[in-house]
């Protein structure tokens, strides 16, 4: 009877150890699973964050590109206006020169001197 009791105690003891080991294994597996899930979620958040940063950068690039195009158009318009004003100023200067020569001709003077004052014969 004592031997049966010892065997029974040994079996119960072994079963308890196995149950405890199984419980520790399940707890460890659960903990590792939770850690892996946490890492997966962190990786997903990092990927999403990177996507948002790229999208924001793309929008900024598009905005800057649009502004640069507008500035280039403004610059070209200013250059055209400046050229137009320069041509207009040159035309006015020529017109004033022509008007000045016509006025001098009307008063009988020219670049060669008074009217009728040609070389003596």
Protein backbone atom coordinates (compact mmCIF):
# COMPACT_ATOMS: atom_id res chain seq x y z
CA UNK A 1 0.00 0.00 0.00
CA UNK A 2 2.80 2.44 0.80
CA UNK A 3 4.40 1.75 -2.55
CA UNK A 4 1.12 2.34 -4.41
CA UNK A 5 0.67 5.56 -2.46
CA UNK A 6 4.21 6.70 -3.40
CA UNK A 7 3.59 5.82 -7.07
CA UNK A 8 0.29 7.65 -6.95
CA UNK A 9 2.00 10.72 -5.41
CA UNK A 10 4.78 10.53 -8.02
CA UNK A 11 2.21 10.33 -10.83
CA UNK A 12 0.17 13.24 -9.41
CA UNK A 13 3.38 15.19 -8.89
CA UNK A 14 4.47 14.50 -12.48
CA UNK A 15 1.03 15.46 -13.80
CA UNK A 16 1.14 18.72 -11.83
CA UNK A 17 4.62 19.47 -13.17
CA UNK A 18 3.45 18.72 -16.71
CA UNK A 19 0.38 20.93 -16.21
CA UNK A 20 2.54 23.71 -14.79
CA UNK A 21 5.03 23.37 -17.67
CA UNK A 22 2.19 23.41 -20.19
CA UNK A 23 0.74 26.50 -18.53
CA UNK A 24 4.13 28.26 -18.62
CA UNK A 25 4.52 27.30 -22.29
CA UNK A 26 1.05 28.63 -23.11
CA UNK A 27 1.74 31.85 -21.18
CA UNK A 28 5.09 32.26 -22.95
CA UNK A 29 3.50 31.61 -26.35
CA UNK A 30 0.71 34.06 -25.54
CA UNK A 31 3.26 36.68 -24.46
CA UNK A 32 5.32 36.14 -27.61
CA UNK A 33 2.17 36.36 -29.71
CA UNK A 34 1.21 39.62 -28.01
CA UNK A 35 4.72 41.00 -28.56
CA UNK A 36 4.62 40.00 -32.23
CA UNK A 37 1.20 41.62 -32.61
CA UNK A 38 2.52 44.77 -30.97
CA UNK A 39 5.50 44.81 -33.35
CA UNK A 40 3.20 44.23 -36.32
CA UNK A 41 0.98 47.14 -35.27
CA UNK A 42 4.03 49.36 -34.74
CA UNK A 43 5.30 48.43 -38.21
CA UNK A 44 1.89 49.22 -39.72
CA UNK A 45 1.87 52.59 -37.96
CA UNK A 46 5.36 53.32 -39.22
CA UNK A 47 4.35 52.40 -42.78
CA UNK A 48 1.24 54.58 -42.55
CA UNK A 49 3.28 57.45 -41.15
CA UNK A 50 5.75 57.14 -44.03
CA UNK A 51 2.89 57.12 -46.53
CA UNK A 52 1.42 60.26 -44.99
CA UNK A 53 4.82 61.98 -45.02
CA UNK A 54 5.30 61.08 -48.70
CA UNK A 55 1.79 62.34 -49.53
CA UNK A 56 2.45 65.62 -47.69
CA UNK A 57 5.80 66.01 -49.46
CA UNK A 58 4.14 65.35 -52.82
CA UNK A 59 1.52 68.03 -52.09
CA UNK A 60 4.22 70.49 -51.07
CA UNK A 61 6.19 69.73 -54.24
CA UNK A 62 3.05 70.25 -56.33
CA UNK A 63 2.33 73.55 -54.58
CA UNK A 64 5.91 74.79 -55.03
CA UNK A 65 5.88 73.68 -58.68
CA UNK A 66 2.65 75.61 -59.23
CA UNK A 67 4.08 78.70 -57.56
CA UNK A 68 7.26 78.45 -59.61
CA UNK A 69 5.22 78.20 -62.80
CA UNK A 70 3.19 81.26 -61.77
CA UNK A 71 6.36 83.19 -60.95
CA UNK A 72 7.86 82.21 -64.32
CA UNK A 73 4.71 83.42 -66.10
CA UNK A 74 4.81 86.68 -64.13
CA UNK A 75 8.49 87.13 -65.00
CA UNK A 76 7.79 86.54 -68.69
CA UNK A 77 4.88 89.00 -68.60
CA UNK A 78 7.09 91.62 -66.93
CA UNK A 79 9.81 91.05 -69.53
CA UNK A 80 7.27 91.42 -72.37
CA UNK A 81 5.90 94.62 -70.80
CA UNK A 82 9.42 95.95 -70.32
CA UNK A 83 10.24 95.24 -73.97
CA UNK A 84 7.00 96.88 -75.07
CA UNK A 85 7.74 99.99 -73.01
CA UNK A 86 11.30 100.13 -74.38
CA UNK A 87 10.00 99.94 -77.97
CA UNK A 88 7.40 102.60 -77.17
CA UNK A 89 10.08 104.87 -75.67
CA UNK A 90 12.29 104.37 -78.72
CA UNK A 91 9.36 105.15 -81.02
CA UNK A 92 8.60 108.31 -79.03
CA UNK A 93 12.24 109.36 -79.24
CA UNK A 94 12.24 108.83 -83.02
CA UNK A 95 8.96 110.73 -83.30
CA UNK A 96 10.36 113.63 -81.26
CA UNK A 97 13.46 113.60 -83.46
CA UNK A 98 11.35 113.64 -86.62
CA UNK A 99 9.16 116.40 -85.16
CA UNK A 100 12.24 118.42 -84.24
CA UNK A 101 13.67 118.12 -87.75
CA UNK A 102 10.32 119.06 -89.30
CA UNK A 103 10.08 122.10 -87.05
CA UNK A 104 13.62 123.15 -87.97
CA UNK A 105 12.76 122.77 -91.68
CA UNK A 106 9.67 124.91 -91.20
CA UNK A 107 11.81 127.73 -89.71
CA UNK A 108 14.19 127.64 -92.65
CA UNK A 109 17.06 126.08 -90.80
CA UNK A 110 18.67 122.76 -91.28
CA UNK A 111 21.74 120.99 -90.22
CA UNK A 112 23.61 122.73 -93.12
CA UNK A 113 22.61 126.22 -91.97
CA UNK A 114 19.93 128.79 -92.87
CA UNK A 115 17.80 128.20 -95.91
CA UNK A 116 19.34 129.49 -99.14
CA UNK A 117 22.77 129.76 -97.56
CA UNK A 118 24.42 127.24 -99.74
CA UNK A 119 27.95 127.46 -101.06
CA UNK A 120 28.82 130.74 -102.73
CA UNK A 121 29.03 130.67 -106.51
